[in-house]
Structure formats: C-alpha cells, structure tokens
C-alpha cells in the first residue's frame, strides 16, 4: 500500500517542493502490521504538516490554514481516491499472476499515475495560497533543505565511478524485487543482474532532471513572492509546472523521460518472466494485504464521517 498511497498523496506536496520522493512513514508502518498502517494514515494530515513545517517553517498565520487544508484534502483522498485505488490494485493483482508484457506494465503505470494528477488538481488552489504567503526567508529554507537532500542523493546514488553508479541501481532493484516477490534464487538474481547491466540508465541525467524540477520550483516561488502574484496567476504557474514536471520542456528532456519510463517497464516485464509461481503468489498476497488495508480504511470512513460531521456542526 505504501507505493500507491504515499506516491499519490503524501508526496504531492513534496512534488511541489521537488525533493526526492521519500519512502514515508507508511513504509515503516507497513512492516509493523495493518493496524499500524491504518493508525498512521489516520494521522496523515498531522504527519504531513510536520514534514512541511520542517521544510518551510510556518508562521502563526500559516499554521491553522495549512492544518485545515491538509485535513480537508486527506478526507477527500480517503473518500474519493481510496475506493478507486482499491479497484486498481485488484486489477494489478490479477495481472501479476504471471509474466506481463512491457505494454501491460505501461498501462498499469498510467493507471496509478492518474491519481497523482487528480491530487494535483485538488490541492493546487491551496498550494497557491501557501506560496503567496511565503516570505523570502521561507523560500531560502526550502532551498537549504533541497540542497541537503541533494547531497544525500549524490552520496547514495552517484559515486564518481560510472560502473559503481550502475551497480548501485542494480542492487536497489534487486533489493526491491526480493521484497516484492519474497526472495530470489541465485540463478534468478544472476539473470536479472545481467539484464540490468546490459540496460543501464544514466543516474547523472536522472539527477539533472531532479535539479531541473527543483530550480523551476524555486524560481516559481520567487516569482510569486517578488511580483506579488494573484491567486489565479499562481495557480496557472503551478499547473504549468505540473504539466512539465516529469517529462520536461525540451525534446532532450522528454526523450530521456520516455526512455526512463520504458526502461522501467521493460525491467518489470523481464523480472515477471524470471520469477516462478510461488513468487507470483507471494507478490499477489502482498498486494492483497494492501487491498485489505485500504478496505479497512474505507470502512473507518463511516465512523470518522459521523465524528467529523458532529465537530463541524458544533
């Protein structure tokens, strides 16, 4: 459930701050059990507030507005998106019972990606209000946190030796594959490593794209703050930013993004052809546990709706 909830809600504000899509509290809580996952999700607005405050430093005027906004958006996500995500996971679970083609993975990716952009449409008005309220010192704080995260990324993924960069990527993919499929035999791991070594992705270009998104966002923040832009103008800037967020603005950036996406689908397809029936069962059960978590969160909505209504009607 981590991948689909975190990347589709928690990380949206993070996308606007253009820091790395951090595996959030949900990853840790997934490992602790379903009840903890539900508890963490139910506290998601508070945890997201803490993260944002750490990266921006809210003043007394901003604090209540941001808290109210996050509560509202998490409620929207719970009631509007969780049922749709559950359906998408069920379709993915059926697909992942055997080998899947590259085109099928691209379709799955597109289906889950749509949730991110729905969230963007939902939160852009409130994000614009936040950006309008930022002062120069807060923008500087965001830049400092971005710089800190960039250094961490470089330390982890960008050793000076190109061959080591490839090895880092390969090891990460192997680690995630073992987690999802419940382990790999030495033969399977060798096959996947060989495939990945023959199909490398330039980590330095990935980092350049990361820097591009960050610099565009900081420039956007400064433009809003210095020119004292209106709500409408700020929303327009944010929509344009999101439009080009992933693939970039020029042909070279767009070509690399396409290659990166297709490479991911090819890798996933190859791995699905290497694993066996027992490993497919493990992956299916893992997705099933995510679906169960989401269904419980949806059930919780009935009780929470009554409490929320009572509070709002006071």
C-alpha atoms as a PDB file:
ATOM      1  CA  UNK A   1       0.000   0.000   0.000  1.00  0.00           C
ATOM      2  CA  UNK A   2       2.932   2.319   0.581  1.00  0.00           C
ATOM      3  CA  UNK A   3       3.677   2.833  -3.099  1.00  0.00           C
ATOM      4  CA  UNK A   4       0.152   3.741  -4.052  1.00  0.00           C
ATOM      5  CA  UNK A   5      -0.901   5.887  -1.093  1.00  0.00           C
ATOM      6  CA  UNK A   6       2.370   7.671  -0.414  1.00  0.00           C
ATOM      7  CA  UNK A   7       3.190   8.432  -4.017  1.00  0.00           C
ATOM      8  CA  UNK A   8      -0.361   9.538  -4.680  1.00  0.00           C
ATOM      9  CA  UNK A   9      -0.925  11.854  -1.746  1.00  0.00           C
ATOM     10  CA  UNK A  10       1.827  12.410   0.759  1.00  0.00           C
ATOM     11  CA  UNK A  11       4.356  13.061  -1.958  1.00  0.00           C
ATOM     12  CA  UNK A  12       2.227  15.556  -3.872  1.00  0.00           C
ATOM     13  CA  UNK A  13       3.155  18.420  -1.551  1.00  0.00           C
ATOM     14  CA  UNK A  14       6.672  17.041  -1.755  1.00  0.00           C
ATOM     15  CA  UNK A  15       6.497  17.203  -5.524  1.00  0.00           C
ATOM     16  CA  UNK A  16       5.734  20.884  -5.242  1.00  0.00           C
ATOM     17  CA  UNK A  17       8.811  21.163  -3.032  1.00  0.00           C
ATOM     18  CA  UNK A  18      10.635  18.970  -5.607  1.00  0.00           C
ATOM     19  CA  UNK A  19      12.559  16.991  -3.026  1.00  0.00           C
ATOM     20  CA  UNK A  20      13.149  13.292  -3.533  1.00  0.00           C
ATOM     21  CA  UNK A  21      10.028  11.112  -3.276  1.00  0.00           C
ATOM     22  CA  UNK A  22      10.940   9.823   0.131  1.00  0.00           C
ATOM     23  CA  UNK A  23       9.563   6.479   1.295  1.00  0.00           C
ATOM     24  CA  UNK A  24       7.473   7.926   4.086  1.00  0.00           C
ATOM     25  CA  UNK A  25       6.174   6.729   7.406  1.00  0.00           C
ATOM     26  CA  UNK A  26       3.869   4.284   5.625  1.00  0.00           C
ATOM     27  CA  UNK A  27       6.784   2.075   4.578  1.00  0.00           C
ATOM     28  CA  UNK A  28       7.857   1.598   8.149  1.00  0.00           C
ATOM     29  CA  UNK A  29       4.318   1.060   9.372  1.00  0.00           C
ATOM     30  CA  UNK A  30       3.607  -1.462   6.621  1.00  0.00           C
ATOM     31  CA  UNK A  31       6.340  -3.620   8.121  1.00  0.00           C
ATOM     32  CA  UNK A  32       4.753  -3.316  11.567  1.00  0.00           C
ATOM     33  CA  UNK A  33       1.259  -4.514  10.660  1.00  0.00           C
ATOM     34  CA  UNK A  34      -2.062  -3.458   9.235  1.00  0.00           C
ATOM     35  CA  UNK A  35      -3.409  -1.786  12.371  1.00  0.00           C
ATOM     36  CA  UNK A  36      -0.360   0.481  12.491  1.00  0.00           C
ATOM     37  CA  UNK A  37      -0.779   1.362   8.819  1.00  0.00           C
ATOM     38  CA  UNK A  38      -4.348   2.475   9.440  1.00  0.00           C
ATOM     39  CA  UNK A  39      -3.291   4.453  12.507  1.00  0.00           C
ATOM     40  CA  UNK A  40      -0.561   6.212  10.509  1.00  0.00           C
ATOM     41  CA  UNK A  41      -2.904   7.019   7.627  1.00  0.00           C
ATOM     42  CA  UNK A  42      -5.459   8.404  10.075  1.00  0.00           C
ATOM     43  CA  UNK A  43      -2.719  10.725  11.380  1.00  0.00           C
ATOM     44  CA  UNK A  44      -1.501  11.531   7.867  1.00  0.00           C
ATOM     45  CA  UNK A  45      -2.562  15.171   7.874  1.00  0.00           C
ATOM     46  CA  UNK A  46      -0.606  15.799  11.087  1.00  0.00           C
ATOM     47  CA  UNK A  47       2.474  13.925   9.891  1.00  0.00           C
ATOM     48  CA  UNK A  48       2.414  15.761   6.567  1.00  0.00           C
ATOM     49  CA  UNK A  49       2.126  19.066   8.425  1.00  0.00           C
ATOM     50  CA  UNK A  50       5.226  18.244  10.459  1.00  0.00           C
ATOM     51  CA  UNK A  51       7.139  17.376   7.294  1.00  0.00           C
ATOM     52  CA  UNK A  52       6.118  20.597   5.566  1.00  0.00           C
ATOM     53  CA  UNK A  53       6.828  22.704   8.626  1.00  0.00           C
ATOM     54  CA  UNK A  54      10.295  21.188   8.831  1.00  0.00           C
ATOM     55  CA  UNK A  55      10.943  22.183   5.201  1.00  0.00           C
ATOM     56  CA  UNK A  56       9.351  25.641   5.307  1.00  0.00           C
ATOM     57  CA  UNK A  57       8.926  26.873   8.869  1.00  0.00           C
ATOM     58  CA  UNK A  58       5.325  28.102   9.117  1.00  0.00           C
ATOM     59  CA  UNK A  59       4.390  31.297  10.889  1.00  0.00           C
ATOM     60  CA  UNK A  60       1.406  31.707  13.224  1.00  0.00           C
ATOM     61  CA  UNK A  61      -0.884  32.847  10.416  1.00  0.00           C
ATOM     62  CA  UNK A  62       0.028  29.980   8.078  1.00  0.00           C
ATOM     63  CA  UNK A  63      -0.190  27.192  10.656  1.00  0.00           C
ATOM     64  CA  UNK A  64      -4.003  26.965  11.119  1.00  0.00           C
ATOM     65  CA  UNK A  65      -4.628  27.437   7.406  1.00  0.00           C
ATOM     66  CA  UNK A  66      -2.263  24.611   6.452  1.00  0.00           C
ATOM     67  CA  UNK A  67      -3.640  22.270   9.115  1.00  0.00           C
ATOM     68  CA  UNK A  68      -7.200  22.887   7.944  1.00  0.00           C
ATOM     69  CA  UNK A  69      -6.216  22.406   4.314  1.00  0.00           C
ATOM     70  CA  UNK A  70      -4.424  19.119   4.982  1.00  0.00           C
ATOM     71  CA  UNK A  71      -7.328  17.732   6.989  1.00  0.00           C
ATOM     72  CA  UNK A  72      -9.721  18.576   4.153  1.00  0.00           C
ATOM     73  CA  UNK A  73      -7.500  17.079   1.458  1.00  0.00           C
ATOM     74  CA  UNK A  74      -6.842  13.874   3.367  1.00  0.00           C
ATOM     75  CA  UNK A  75     -10.579  13.459   3.845  1.00  0.00           C
ATOM     76  CA  UNK A  76     -11.080  13.937   0.115  1.00  0.00           C
ATOM     77  CA  UNK A  77      -8.372  11.355  -0.591  1.00  0.00           C
ATOM     78  CA  UNK A  78      -9.897   8.860   1.829  1.00  0.00           C
ATOM     79  CA  UNK A  79     -13.423   9.155   0.452  1.00  0.00           C
ATOM     80  CA  UNK A  80     -12.721   9.793  -3.240  1.00  0.00           C
ATOM     81  CA  UNK A  81      -9.457   8.081  -4.122  1.00  0.00           C
ATOM     82  CA  UNK A  82      -9.074   5.088  -1.824  1.00  0.00           C
ATOM     83  CA  UNK A  83     -12.025   3.210  -3.393  1.00  0.00           C
ATOM     84  CA  UNK A  84     -10.564   3.836  -6.867  1.00  0.00           C
ATOM     85  CA  UNK A  85      -7.073   2.783  -5.775  1.00  0.00           C
ATOM     86  CA  UNK A  86      -8.515  -0.411  -4.319  1.00  0.00           C
ATOM     87  CA  UNK A  87     -10.025  -1.233  -7.694  1.00  0.00           C
ATOM     88  CA  UNK A  88      -6.762  -0.511  -9.499  1.00  0.00           C
ATOM     89  CA  UNK A  89      -4.852  -2.742  -7.085  1.00  0.00           C
ATOM     90  CA  UNK A  90      -7.288  -5.570  -7.678  1.00  0.00           C
ATOM     91  CA  UNK A  91      -6.718  -5.279 -11.425  1.00  0.00           C
ATOM     92  CA  UNK A  92      -2.946  -5.197 -10.882  1.00  0.00           C
ATOM     93  CA  UNK A  93      -3.176  -8.263  -8.635  1.00  0.00           C
ATOM     94  CA  UNK A  94      -4.836 -10.239 -11.425  1.00  0.00           C
ATOM     95  CA  UNK A  95      -2.200  -9.137 -13.938  1.00  0.00           C
ATOM     96  CA  UNK A  96       0.703 -10.023 -11.667  1.00  0.00           C
ATOM     97  CA  UNK A  97      -0.080 -13.727 -11.547  1.00  0.00           C
ATOM     98  CA  UNK A  98       2.244 -14.468 -14.457  1.00  0.00           C
ATOM     99  CA  UNK A  99       4.540 -12.808 -16.999  1.00  0.00           C
ATOM    100  CA  UNK A 100       3.414  -9.334 -18.078  1.00  0.00           C
ATOM    101  CA  UNK A 101       4.384  -7.529 -21.258  1.00  0.00           C
ATOM    102  CA  UNK A 102       6.037  -4.124 -21.398  1.00  0.00           C
ATOM    103  CA  UNK A 103       2.856  -2.561 -22.782  1.00  0.00           C
ATOM    104  CA  UNK A 104       0.781  -4.027 -19.937  1.00  0.00           C
ATOM    105  CA  UNK A 105       3.148  -2.518 -17.373  1.00  0.00           C
ATOM    106  CA  UNK A 106       2.924   0.855 -19.095  1.00  0.00           C
ATOM    107  CA  UNK A 107      -0.863   0.673 -18.853  1.00  0.00           C
ATOM    108  CA  UNK A 108      -0.642  -0.152 -15.134  1.00  0.00           C
ATOM    109  CA  UNK A 109       1.790   2.712 -14.578  1.00  0.00           C
ATOM    110  CA  UNK A 110      -0.527   5.133 -16.344  1.00  0.00           C
ATOM    111  CA  UNK A 111      -3.499   3.958 -14.297  1.00  0.00           C
ATOM    112  CA  UNK A 112      -1.780   4.627 -10.979  1.00  0.00           C
ATOM    113  CA  UNK A 113      -0.151   7.832 -12.183  1.00  0.00           C
ATOM    114  CA  UNK A 114      -3.549   9.366 -12.858  1.00  0.00           C
ATOM    115  CA  UNK A 115      -4.166   9.508  -9.104  1.00  0.00           C
ATOM    116  CA  UNK A 116      -1.186  11.819  -8.644  1.00  0.00           C
ATOM    117  CA  UNK A 117      -2.534  14.275 -11.174  1.00  0.00           C
ATOM    118  CA  UNK A 118      -6.014  14.163  -9.672  1.00  0.00           C
ATOM    119  CA  UNK A 119      -4.419  15.091  -6.366  1.00  0.00           C
ATOM    120  CA  UNK A 120      -2.550  17.936  -8.074  1.00  0.00           C
ATOM    121  CA  UNK A 121      -5.826  19.370  -9.365  1.00  0.00           C
ATOM    122  CA  UNK A 122      -7.294  19.064  -5.894  1.00  0.00           C
ATOM    123  CA  UNK A 123      -4.503  20.769  -3.947  1.00  0.00           C
ATOM    124  CA  UNK A 124      -3.292  23.426  -6.409  1.00  0.00           C
ATOM    125  CA  UNK A 125      -5.620  26.179  -5.098  1.00  0.00           C
ATOM    126  CA  UNK A 126      -4.439  25.718  -1.504  1.00  0.00           C
ATOM    127  CA  UNK A 127      -0.830  25.287  -2.615  1.00  0.00           C
ATOM    128  CA  UNK A 128      -1.124  28.608  -4.449  1.00  0.00           C
ATOM    129  CA  UNK A 129      -2.377  30.270  -1.250  1.00  0.00           C
ATOM    130  CA  UNK A 130       0.607  28.851   0.599  1.00  0.00           C
ATOM    131  CA  UNK A 131       3.099  30.111  -1.984  1.00  0.00           C
ATOM    132  CA  UNK A 132       1.534  33.576  -1.949  1.00  0.00           C
ATOM    133  CA  UNK A 133       2.038  33.672   1.817  1.00  0.00           C
ATOM    134  CA  UNK A 134       5.722  32.652   1.752  1.00  0.00           C
ATOM    135  CA  UNK A 135       8.386  35.205   2.546  1.00  0.00           C
ATOM    136  CA  UNK A 136      11.967  35.275   1.271  1.00  0.00           C
ATOM    137  CA  UNK A 137      13.371  33.542   4.355  1.00  0.00           C
ATOM    138  CA  UNK A 138      10.977  30.615   3.976  1.00  0.00           C
ATOM    139  CA  UNK A 139      11.955  30.174   0.339  1.00  0.00           C
ATOM    140  CA  UNK A 140      15.580  30.158   1.444  1.00  0.00           C
ATOM    141  CA  UNK A 141      14.733  27.456   3.998  1.00  0.00           C
ATOM    142  CA  UNK A 142      13.187  25.322   1.242  1.00  0.00           C
ATOM    143  CA  UNK A 143      16.339  25.767  -0.860  1.00  0.00           C
ATOM    144  CA  UNK A 144      18.562  24.710   2.034  1.00  0.00           C
ATOM    145  CA  UNK A 145      16.525  21.561   2.620  1.00  0.00           C
ATOM    146  CA  UNK A 146      16.630  20.768  -1.095  1.00  0.00           C
ATOM    147  CA  UNK A 147      20.417  21.157  -1.080  1.00  0.00           C
ATOM    148  CA  UNK A 148      20.685  18.834   1.917  1.00  0.00           C
ATOM    149  CA  UNK A 149      18.521  16.190   0.228  1.00  0.00           C
ATOM    150  CA  UNK A 150      20.532  16.524  -2.979  1.00  0.00           C
ATOM    151  CA  UNK A 151      23.747  15.799  -1.163  1.00  0.00           C
ATOM    152  CA  UNK A 152      22.175  12.710   0.367  1.00  0.00           C
ATOM    153  CA  UNK A 153      21.070  11.573  -3.107  1.00  0.00           C
ATOM    154  CA  UNK A 154      24.567  12.087  -4.507  1.00  0.00           C
ATOM    155  CA  UNK A 155      26.158  10.187  -1.650  1.00  0.00           C
ATOM    156  CA  UNK A 156      23.788   7.252  -2.138  1.00  0.00           C
ATOM    157  CA  UNK A 157      23.350   7.071  -5.907  1.00  0.00           C
ATOM    158  CA  UNK A 158      26.182   8.988  -7.559  1.00  0.00           C
ATOM    159  CA  UNK A 159      29.621   7.651  -6.736  1.00  0.00           C
ATOM    160  CA  UNK A 160      32.208   9.156  -9.066  1.00  0.00           C
ATOM    161  CA  UNK A 161      32.812   5.879 -10.900  1.00  0.00           C
ATOM    162  CA  UNK A 162      30.140   5.253 -13.584  1.00  0.00           C
ATOM    163  CA  UNK A 163      30.323   1.491 -13.097  1.00  0.00           C
ATOM    164  CA  UNK A 164      29.614   1.935  -9.398  1.00  0.00           C
ATOM    165  CA  UNK A 165      26.572   4.079 -10.264  1.00  0.00           C
ATOM    166  CA  UNK A 166      25.217   1.202 -12.341  1.00  0.00           C
ATOM    167  CA  UNK A 167      25.908  -1.236  -9.507  1.00  0.00           C
ATOM    168  CA  UNK A 168      24.022   0.940  -7.038  1.00  0.00           C
ATOM    169  CA  UNK A 169      20.949   0.974  -9.311  1.00  0.00           C
ATOM    170  CA  UNK A 170      21.148  -2.769  -9.912  1.00  0.00           C
ATOM    171  CA  UNK A 171      21.436  -3.531  -6.186  1.00  0.00           C
ATOM    172  CA  UNK A 172      18.437  -1.316  -5.374  1.00  0.00           C
ATOM    173  CA  UNK A 173      16.257  -3.046  -7.969  1.00  0.00           C
ATOM    174  CA  UNK A 174      17.349  -6.490  -6.762  1.00  0.00           C
ATOM    175  CA  UNK A 175      16.545  -5.487  -3.174  1.00  0.00           C
ATOM    176  CA  UNK A 176      13.046  -4.253  -4.101  1.00  0.00           C
ATOM    177  CA  UNK A 177      12.404  -7.347  -6.225  1.00  0.00           C
ATOM    178  CA  UNK A 178      13.268  -9.638  -3.327  1.00  0.00           C
ATOM    179  CA  UNK A 179      10.959  -7.641  -1.070  1.00  0.00           C
ATOM    180  CA  UNK A 180       8.053  -7.866  -3.513  1.00  0.00           C
ATOM    181  CA  UNK A 181       8.462 -11.473  -4.619  1.00  0.00           C
ATOM    182  CA  UNK A 182       9.736 -12.900  -1.332  1.00  0.00           C
ATOM    183  CA  UNK A 183      13.312 -13.590  -2.402  1.00  0.00           C
ATOM    184  CA  UNK A 184      15.202 -14.754  -5.485  1.00  0.00           C
ATOM    185  CA  UNK A 185      17.290 -17.803  -6.254  1.00  0.00           C
ATOM    186  CA  UNK A 186      20.935 -17.226  -7.179  1.00  0.00           C
ATOM    187  CA  UNK A 187      20.093 -18.110 -10.781  1.00  0.00           C
ATOM    188  CA  UNK A 188      17.207 -15.642 -10.924  1.00  0.00           C
ATOM    189  CA  UNK A 189      19.294 -12.884  -9.367  1.00  0.00           C
ATOM    190  CA  UNK A 190      22.093 -13.501 -11.876  1.00  0.00           C
ATOM    191  CA  UNK A 191      19.674 -13.246 -14.794  1.00  0.00           C
ATOM    192  CA  UNK A 192      18.181 -10.001 -13.515  1.00  0.00           C
ATOM    193  CA  UNK A 193      21.621  -8.510 -12.813  1.00  0.00           C
ATOM    194  CA  UNK A 194      22.791  -9.406 -16.299  1.00  0.00           C
ATOM    195  CA  UNK A 195      19.701  -7.801 -17.843  1.00  0.00           C
ATOM    196  CA  UNK A 196      20.125  -4.607 -15.814  1.00  0.00           C
ATOM    197  CA  UNK A 197      23.836  -4.330 -16.576  1.00  0.00           C
ATOM    198  CA  UNK A 198      23.043  -4.538 -20.292  1.00  0.00           C
ATOM    199  CA  UNK A 199      20.297  -1.901 -19.967  1.00  0.00           C
ATOM    200  CA  UNK A 200      21.714   0.891 -17.786  1.00  0.00           C
ATOM    201  CA  UNK A 201      20.091   4.243 -17.062  1.00  0.00           C
ATOM    202  CA  UNK A 202      22.399   7.228 -16.602  1.00  0.00           C
ATOM    203  CA  UNK A 203      21.987   8.240 -12.945  1.00  0.00           C
ATOM    204  CA  UNK A 204      23.603  11.608 -13.602  1.00  0.00           C
ATOM    205  CA  UNK A 205      20.877  12.512 -16.103  1.00  0.00           C
ATOM    206  CA  UNK A 206      18.276  11.389 -13.556  1.00  0.00           C
ATOM    207  CA  UNK A 207      19.916  13.779 -11.103  1.00  0.00           C
ATOM    208  CA  UNK A 208      19.925  16.575 -13.692  1.00  0.00           C
ATOM    209  CA  UNK A 209      16.178  16.135 -14.122  1.00  0.00           C
ATOM    210  CA  UNK A 210      15.791  16.329 -10.365  1.00  0.00           C
ATOM    211  CA  UNK A 211      17.772  19.580 -10.302  1.00  0.00           C
ATOM    212  CA  UNK A 212      15.697  20.950 -13.169  1.00  0.00           C
ATOM    213  CA  UNK A 213      12.446  20.385 -11.257  1.00  0.00           C
ATOM    214  CA  UNK A 214      13.901  21.947  -8.139  1.00  0.00           C
ATOM    215  CA  UNK A 215      15.252  25.059  -9.841  1.00  0.00           C
ATOM    216  CA  UNK A 216      11.954  25.582 -11.667  1.00  0.00           C
ATOM    217  CA  UNK A 217      10.049  25.346  -8.405  1.00  0.00           C
ATOM    218  CA  UNK A 218      12.317  27.751  -6.526  1.00  0.00           C
ATOM    219  CA  UNK A 219      12.073  30.191  -9.445  1.00  0.00           C
ATOM    220  CA  UNK A 220       8.282  29.860  -9.301  1.00  0.00           C
ATOM    221  CA  UNK A 221       8.253  30.601  -5.555  1.00  0.00           C
ATOM    222  CA  UNK A 222      10.435  33.667  -6.031  1.00  0.00           C
ATOM    223  CA  UNK A 223       8.318  34.941  -8.907  1.00  0.00           C
ATOM    224  CA  UNK A 224       5.155  34.665  -6.810  1.00  0.00           C
ATOM    225  CA  UNK A 225       6.795  36.345  -3.817  1.00  0.00           C
ATOM    226  CA  UNK A 226       8.642  39.129  -5.625  1.00  0.00           C
ATOM    227  CA  UNK A 227       5.903  40.039  -8.104  1.00  0.00           C
ATOM    228  CA  UNK A 228       3.114  39.553  -5.548  1.00  0.00           C
ATOM    229  CA  UNK A 229       1.120  37.460  -7.992  1.00  0.00           C
ATOM    230  CA  UNK A 230      -2.597  36.863  -7.639  1.00  0.00           C
ATOM    231  CA  UNK A 231      -4.235  33.572  -6.719  1.00  0.00           C
ATOM    232  CA  UNK A 232      -5.229  32.996 -10.337  1.00  0.00           C
ATOM    233  CA  UNK A 233      -1.754  33.721 -11.701  1.00  0.00           C
ATOM    234  CA  UNK A 234      -0.106  31.498  -9.101  1.00  0.00           C
ATOM    235  CA  UNK A 235      -2.449  28.605  -9.855  1.00  0.00           C
ATOM    236  CA  UNK A 236      -1.620  28.972 -13.553  1.00  0.00           C
ATOM    237  CA  UNK A 237       2.102  28.754 -12.792  1.00  0.00           C
ATOM    238  CA  UNK A 238       1.584  25.628 -10.690  1.00  0.00           C
ATOM    239  CA  UNK A 239      -0.487  23.934 -13.385  1.00  0.00           C
ATOM    240  CA  UNK A 240       2.194  24.688 -15.947  1.00  0.00           C
ATOM    241  CA  UNK A 241       4.842  23.362 -13.558  1.00  0.00           C
ATOM    242  CA  UNK A 242       2.960  20.093 -13.071  1.00  0.00           C
ATOM    243  CA  UNK A 243       2.350  19.783 -16.811  1.00  0.00           C
ATOM    244  CA  UNK A 244       6.104  19.642 -17.429  1.00  0.00           C
ATOM    245  CA  UNK A 245       7.147  18.153 -14.077  1.00  0.00           C
ATOM    246  CA  UNK A 246       8.002  14.663 -15.242  1.00  0.00           C
ATOM    247  CA  UNK A 247       8.968  14.906 -18.886  1.00  0.00           C
ATOM    248  CA  UNK A 248      10.490  18.394 -19.006  1.00  0.00           C
ATOM    249  CA  UNK A 249      10.167  21.224 -21.509  1.00  0.00           C
ATOM    250  CA  UNK A 250      12.587  20.383 -24.321  1.00  0.00           C
ATOM    251  CA  UNK A 251      12.992  17.425 -26.655  1.00  0.00           C
ATOM    252  CA  UNK A 252      16.107  16.092 -24.928  1.00  0.00           C
ATOM    253  CA  UNK A 253      14.413  16.001 -21.519  1.00  0.00           C
ATOM    254  CA  UNK A 254      11.284  14.435 -22.968  1.00  0.00           C
ATOM    255  CA  UNK A 255      13.279  11.806 -24.856  1.00  0.00           C
ATOM    256  CA  UNK A 256      15.156  10.800 -21.698  1.00  0.00           C
ATOM    257  CA  UNK A 257      11.950  10.632 -19.668  1.00  0.00           C
ATOM    258  CA  UNK A 258      10.379   8.361 -22.285  1.00  0.00           C
ATOM    259  CA  UNK A 259      13.464   6.143 -22.230  1.00  0.00           C
ATOM    260  CA  UNK A 260      13.405   6.041 -18.419  1.00  0.00           C
ATOM    261  CA  UNK A 261       9.718   5.054 -18.293  1.00  0.00           C
ATOM    262  CA  UNK A 262      10.095   2.412 -20.987  1.00  0.00           C
ATOM    263  CA  UNK A 263      13.213   1.029 -19.335  1.00  0.00           C
ATOM    264  CA  UNK A 264      11.286   0.585 -16.100  1.00  0.00           C
ATOM    265  CA  UNK A 265       8.505  -1.269 -17.911  1.00  0.00           C
ATOM    266  CA  UNK A 266      10.999  -3.476 -19.742  1.00  0.00           C
ATOM    267  CA  UNK A 267      12.751  -4.300 -16.478  1.00  0.00           C
ATOM    268  CA  UNK A 268       9.480  -5.126 -14.709  1.00  0.00           C
ATOM    269  CA  UNK A 269       8.398  -7.294 -17.649  1.00  0.00           C
ATOM    270  CA  UNK A 270      11.688  -9.170 -17.670  1.00  0.00           C
ATOM    271  CA  UNK A 271      11.533  -9.797 -13.928  1.00  0.00           C
ATOM    272  CA  UNK A 272       7.966 -11.093 -14.264  1.00  0.00           C
ATOM    273  CA  UNK A 273       9.247 -13.640 -16.802  1.00  0.00           C
ATOM    274  CA  UNK A 274      12.001 -14.836 -14.447  1.00  0.00           C
ATOM    275  CA  UNK A 275      10.038 -15.411 -11.227  1.00  0.00           C
ATOM    276  CA  UNK A 276       8.096 -18.615 -10.571  1.00  0.00           C
ATOM    277  CA  UNK A 277       4.546 -19.446  -9.497  1.00  0.00           C
ATOM    278  CA  UNK A 278       5.351 -19.433  -5.785  1.00  0.00           C
ATOM    279  CA  UNK A 279       6.953 -15.978  -6.043  1.00  0.00           C
ATOM    280  CA  UNK A 280       3.962 -14.697  -8.021  1.00  0.00           C
ATOM    281  CA  UNK A 281       1.746 -15.973  -5.218  1.00  0.00           C
ATOM    282  CA  UNK A 282       3.841 -14.067  -2.668  1.00  0.00           C
ATOM    283  CA  UNK A 283       3.508 -10.849  -4.719  1.00  0.00           C
ATOM    284  CA  UNK A 284      -0.237 -11.410  -5.111  1.00  0.00           C
ATOM    285  CA  UNK A 285      -0.624 -11.880  -1.355  1.00  0.00           C
ATOM    286  CA  UNK A 286       1.353  -8.708  -0.708  1.00  0.00           C
ATOM    287  CA  UNK A 287      -0.942  -6.726  -2.996  1.00  0.00           C
ATOM    288  CA  UNK A 288      -3.882  -8.461  -1.311  1.00  0.00           C
ATOM    289  CA  UNK A 289      -2.680  -7.137   2.045  1.00  0.00           C
ATOM    290  CA  UNK A 290      -2.588  -3.604   0.605  1.00  0.00           C
ATOM    291  CA  UNK A 291      -6.134  -4.039  -0.676  1.00  0.00           C
ATOM    292  CA  UNK A 292      -7.251  -5.241   2.760  1.00  0.00           C
ATOM    293  CA  UNK A 293      -5.601  -2.228   4.404  1.00  0.00           C
ATOM    294  CA  UNK A 294      -7.404   0.130   2.049  1.00  0.00           C
ATOM    295  CA  UNK A 295     -10.739  -1.607   2.568  1.00  0.00           C
ATOM    296  CA  UNK A 296     -10.347  -1.190   6.331  1.00  0.00           C
ATOM    297  CA  UNK A 297      -9.527   2.484   5.881  1.00  0.00           C
ATOM    298  CA  UNK A 298     -12.644   2.885   3.751  1.00  0.00           C
ATOM    299  CA  UNK A 299     -14.734   1.185   6.457  1.00  0.00           C
ATOM    300  CA  UNK A 300     -13.229   3.554   9.020  1.00  0.00           C
ATOM    301  CA  UNK A 301     -14.610   6.435   6.951  1.00  0.00           C
ATOM    302  CA  UNK A 302     -18.184   5.751   8.100  1.00  0.00           C
ATOM    303  CA  UNK A 303     -17.297   6.214  11.760  1.00  0.00           C
ATOM    304  CA  UNK A 304     -14.998   9.147  11.066  1.00  0.00           C
ATOM    305  CA  UNK A 305     -17.643  10.840   8.913  1.00  0.00           C
ATOM    306  CA  UNK A 306     -20.064  10.905  11.852  1.00  0.00           C
ATOM    307  CA  UNK A 307     -17.392  12.347  14.165  1.00  0.00           C
ATOM    308  CA  UNK A 308     -16.356  14.889  11.531  1.00  0.00           C
ATOM    309  CA  UNK A 309     -19.946  15.984  10.949  1.00  0.00           C
ATOM    310  CA  UNK A 310     -20.532  16.410  14.680  1.00  0.00           C
ATOM    311  CA  UNK A 311     -17.393  18.511  15.028  1.00  0.00           C
ATOM    312  CA  UNK A 312     -18.227  20.719  12.031  1.00  0.00           C
ATOM    313  CA  UNK A 313     -21.772  21.305  13.318  1.00  0.00           C
ATOM    314  CA  UNK A 314     -20.709  22.500  16.735  1.00  0.00           C
END
